[in-house]
Amino acid sequence: MRLKDKALIVCERLEERYPDALCSLNYSKPHELMIAGRLSAQCTDERVNIVTKELFAKYRSISDFAAADVSDIEEIVRPCGLYKTKARSIVEMCRAIIERFGGEIPDSIEQLTTLPGIGRKTANLIMGDVFRRPAIVTDTHCIRITGRLGLTSNTDPARVEQDLWKIIPPERSSDLCHRLVLFGRDICKARGEKCPECPLNDICPAFAKKQG
């Protein structure tokens, strides 16, 4: 089976199982998703959502964050880990948006990744969820599951992204990434204990290897 054909099957079956593909990070404004994405580095989405509830209630706009005292942001985001670095980059990225982009979040990967604290993972998240453009978010779920399914042999996020762009239909890319998160939490766990009930086990090399 060609990789493109397998990738299409993955998209179709996960779409059937998880028709409502929503981001697991809570936000109501584009800049909030960007900040939540920054906080999610080495932290669970569940914890980020707890922290951002207080953070977004206190700081409501890009201007609010740009003018914030970094030490105050530090105290709020401390539970997310790496809080000093994250707090500083949140304030700096909002200042950069105002100074370099007129207060509007840029709409290209190239521009987004010039902002402090924003890497390709968060930039792709913004492109997909805010601007509704093709995007591949190579988070831990995406990397682990696409590797297990044989869609990529790489584990480096940038290389995984490159591999997936070649085989995933662009119009399905951003929603697939959210579905992979749901699938990873629900079925395709790291230990693989739910492999027998997996809707993709017939095309999964890892499951075939287990079966001998």
Protein backbone atom coordinates (compact mmCIF):
# COMPACT_ATOMS: atom_id res chain seq x y z
CA MET A 1 0.00 0.00 0.00
CA ARG A 2 1.29 3.44 -0.91
CA LEU A 3 1.92 5.81 2.00
CA LYS A 4 -0.52 8.33 0.52
CA ASP A 5 -3.24 5.69 0.44
CA LYS A 6 -2.52 4.66 4.01
CA ALA A 7 -2.53 8.31 5.15
CA LEU A 8 -5.93 8.83 3.52
CA ILE A 9 -7.33 5.78 5.30
CA VAL A 10 -6.02 7.13 8.62
CA CYS A 11 -7.68 10.48 7.95
CA GLU A 12 -11.01 8.91 6.99
CA ARG A 13 -11.23 6.47 9.89
CA LEU A 14 -10.23 9.00 12.53
CA GLU A 15 -12.68 11.50 11.05
CA GLU A 16 -15.42 8.89 11.41
CA ARG A 17 -14.44 8.13 15.01
CA TYR A 18 -13.84 11.74 16.07
CA PRO A 19 -16.07 13.95 13.88
CA ASP A 20 -15.66 16.99 16.13
CA ALA A 21 -11.96 17.75 15.89
CA LEU A 22 -11.37 20.58 18.33
CA CYS A 23 -8.18 21.89 19.85
CA SER A 24 -7.68 20.60 23.38
CA LEU A 25 -6.37 24.00 24.52
CA ASN A 26 -9.05 26.43 25.72
CA TYR A 27 -9.06 29.88 24.14
CA SER A 28 -11.47 32.51 22.84
CA LYS A 29 -9.07 34.88 21.07
CA PRO A 30 -6.24 34.12 18.61
CA HIS A 31 -3.50 35.46 20.87
CA GLU A 32 -4.76 33.25 23.68
CA LEU A 33 -4.15 30.14 21.57
CA MET A 34 -0.65 31.38 20.81
CA ILE A 35 0.08 31.88 24.52
CA ALA A 36 -1.51 28.55 25.49
CA GLY A 37 0.60 26.85 22.83
CA ARG A 38 3.72 28.39 24.32
CA LEU A 39 2.75 27.21 27.81
CA SER A 40 2.09 23.66 26.58
CA ALA A 41 5.79 22.96 26.00
CA GLN A 42 6.68 20.08 28.36
CA CYS A 43 3.32 20.48 30.08
CA THR A 44 -0.08 18.78 29.71
CA ASP A 45 -2.94 20.59 28.00
CA GLU A 46 -5.09 19.95 31.06
CA ARG A 47 -2.71 21.89 33.30
CA VAL A 48 -2.35 24.66 30.74
CA ASN A 49 -6.13 25.09 30.64
CA ILE A 50 -6.23 25.46 34.41
CA VAL A 51 -3.50 28.10 34.36
CA THR A 52 -4.85 30.07 31.40
CA LYS A 53 -8.26 30.43 33.03
CA GLU A 54 -6.67 32.79 35.56
CA LEU A 55 -4.16 34.25 33.11
CA PHE A 56 -6.70 35.23 30.45
CA ALA A 57 -9.08 36.65 33.03
CA LYS A 58 -6.39 39.07 34.20
CA TYR A 59 -4.77 39.90 30.86
CA ARG A 60 -7.37 40.26 28.13
CA SER A 61 -5.50 41.64 25.16
CA ILE A 62 -2.15 41.59 23.40
CA SER A 63 -1.55 45.09 24.79
CA ASP A 64 -2.27 43.87 28.33
CA PHE A 65 0.36 41.15 28.00
CA ALA A 66 2.85 43.51 26.36
CA ALA A 67 2.57 45.87 29.32
CA ALA A 68 2.56 43.14 31.97
CA ASP A 69 5.10 42.72 34.74
CA VAL A 70 7.01 39.55 33.83
CA SER A 71 7.25 38.54 37.49
CA ASP A 72 3.47 38.57 37.78
CA ILE A 73 3.12 36.35 34.72
CA GLU A 74 5.74 34.05 36.24
CA GLU A 75 3.67 33.47 39.36
CA ILE A 76 0.56 32.61 37.38
CA VAL A 77 2.24 30.24 34.91
CA ARG A 78 4.56 28.60 37.45
CA PRO A 79 2.55 25.31 37.48
CA CYS A 80 3.35 24.86 33.75
CA GLY A 81 7.08 24.51 34.41
CA LEU A 82 9.89 26.54 32.83
CA TYR A 83 7.86 29.45 34.09
CA LYS A 84 10.58 32.11 33.94
CA THR A 85 11.37 31.43 30.30
CA LYS A 86 7.71 31.07 29.33
CA ALA A 87 6.65 34.25 31.12
CA ARG A 88 9.40 36.29 29.51
CA SER A 89 8.66 34.98 26.03
CA ILE A 90 4.92 35.65 26.42
CA VAL A 91 5.54 39.30 27.20
CA GLU A 92 8.20 39.63 24.52
CA MET A 93 6.09 37.97 21.82
CA CYS A 94 3.18 40.33 22.51
CA ARG A 95 5.49 43.33 22.39
CA ALA A 96 6.88 42.06 19.08
CA ILE A 97 3.38 41.67 17.64
CA ILE A 98 2.66 45.31 18.47
CA GLU A 99 6.01 46.68 17.35
CA ARG A 100 6.52 44.63 14.19
CA PHE A 101 3.04 43.58 13.08
CA GLY A 102 0.80 46.47 14.13
CA GLY A 103 -0.88 44.49 16.88
CA GLU A 104 -2.12 41.76 14.53
CA ILE A 105 -0.95 38.14 14.71
CA PRO A 106 0.97 37.39 11.50
CA ASP A 107 -0.53 34.83 9.16
CA SER A 108 2.49 32.93 7.91
CA ILE A 109 4.72 30.26 9.43
CA GLU A 110 7.78 32.31 8.52
CA GLN A 111 6.59 35.40 10.38
CA LEU A 112 5.11 33.54 13.33
CA THR A 113 8.37 31.74 14.01
CA THR A 114 10.19 35.08 14.32
CA LEU A 115 8.21 35.77 17.49
CA PRO A 116 9.90 34.96 20.83
CA GLY A 117 8.94 31.52 22.08
CA ILE A 118 7.08 30.46 18.95
CA GLY A 119 8.37 27.36 17.17
CA ARG A 120 6.92 25.50 14.23
CA LYS A 121 4.55 23.42 16.38
CA THR A 122 2.73 26.44 17.79
CA ALA A 123 2.99 28.31 14.48
CA ASN A 124 1.24 25.42 12.72
CA LEU A 125 -1.39 25.34 15.45
CA ILE A 126 -2.12 29.03 14.80
CA MET A 127 -2.19 28.54 11.04
CA GLY A 128 -4.67 25.68 11.30
CA ASP A 129 -7.00 26.85 14.05
CA VAL A 130 -6.93 30.61 13.63
CA PHE A 131 -6.41 31.04 9.89
CA ARG A 132 -7.92 27.66 8.82
CA ARG A 133 -5.05 26.85 6.52
CA PRO A 134 -3.28 23.51 6.04
CA ALA A 135 -1.12 22.79 9.08
CA ILE A 136 0.67 19.86 10.67
CA VAL A 137 1.27 20.10 14.42
CA THR A 138 4.00 17.61 15.28
CA ASP A 139 3.33 17.18 18.98
CA THR A 140 4.20 14.05 20.93
CA HIS A 141 0.96 12.26 19.94
CA CYS A 142 1.48 12.99 16.24
CA ILE A 143 5.10 11.87 16.25
CA ARG A 144 4.46 8.67 18.20
CA ILE A 145 1.33 7.58 16.32
CA THR A 146 2.47 8.37 12.78
CA GLY A 147 5.69 6.54 13.53
CA ARG A 148 3.83 3.54 14.88
CA LEU A 149 1.62 3.48 11.78
CA GLY A 150 4.66 3.59 9.53
CA LEU A 151 3.85 6.98 8.01
CA THR A 152 7.29 8.25 8.99
CA SER A 153 10.50 6.73 10.25
CA ASN A 154 11.68 9.98 11.82
CA THR A 155 11.21 11.26 15.37
CA ASP A 156 12.55 14.78 14.97
CA PRO A 157 9.50 17.12 14.79
CA ALA A 158 10.75 19.05 11.74
CA ARG A 159 11.50 15.86 9.80
CA VAL A 160 8.18 14.30 10.78
CA GLU A 161 6.42 17.42 9.53
CA GLN A 162 8.27 17.23 6.23
CA ASP A 163 7.36 13.55 5.81
CA LEU A 164 3.67 14.11 6.57
CA TRP A 165 3.32 17.05 4.20
CA LYS A 166 4.18 14.64 1.38
CA ILE A 167 1.33 12.20 2.10
CA ILE A 168 -1.48 13.90 4.04
CA PRO A 169 -4.16 15.75 2.03
CA PRO A 170 -3.64 19.45 2.90
CA GLU A 171 -7.35 20.06 3.49
CA ARG A 172 -7.40 17.33 6.18
CA SER A 173 -4.09 18.18 7.85
CA SER A 174 -5.05 20.51 10.72
CA ASP A 175 -8.08 18.49 11.84
CA LEU A 176 -6.08 15.26 11.64
CA CYS A 177 -3.60 16.63 14.16
CA HIS A 178 -6.39 17.24 16.69
CA ARG A 179 -7.83 13.79 15.99
CA LEU A 180 -4.44 12.21 16.62
CA VAL A 181 -4.43 13.80 20.09
CA LEU A 182 -7.86 12.32 20.85
CA PHE A 183 -6.84 8.98 19.37
CA GLY A 184 -3.62 8.94 21.40
CA ARG A 185 -5.48 9.55 24.65
CA ASP A 186 -8.31 7.17 23.84
CA ILE A 187 -6.79 4.20 22.01
CA CYS A 188 -3.20 4.50 20.80
CA LYS A 189 -1.47 4.86 24.14
CA ALA A 190 2.28 4.54 24.56
CA ARG A 191 2.04 1.00 25.95
CA GLY A 192 -0.30 -0.16 23.19
CA GLU A 193 -2.64 -2.05 25.51
CA LYS A 194 -5.69 -1.18 23.37
CA CYS A 195 -4.25 -2.33 20.04
CA PRO A 196 -6.84 -5.13 19.56
CA GLU A 197 -9.71 -2.60 19.52
CA CYS A 198 -7.90 -0.02 17.41
CA PRO A 199 -9.72 0.99 14.17
CA LEU A 200 -6.34 1.20 12.43
CA ASN A 201 -4.78 -2.08 13.56
CA ASP A 202 -5.21 -3.69 10.12
CA ILE A 203 -2.80 -1.14 8.61
CA CYS A 204 -0.48 -0.78 11.59
CA PRO A 205 2.96 -2.42 11.30
CA ALA A 206 3.43 -2.26 15.07
CA PHE A 207 0.27 -4.34 15.63
CA ALA A 208 1.24 -6.82 12.91
CA LYS A 209 4.63 -7.27 14.57
CA LYS A 210 2.92 -8.00 17.91
CA GLN A 211 0.78 -10.64 16.26
CA GLY A 212 3.93 -12.36 15.04
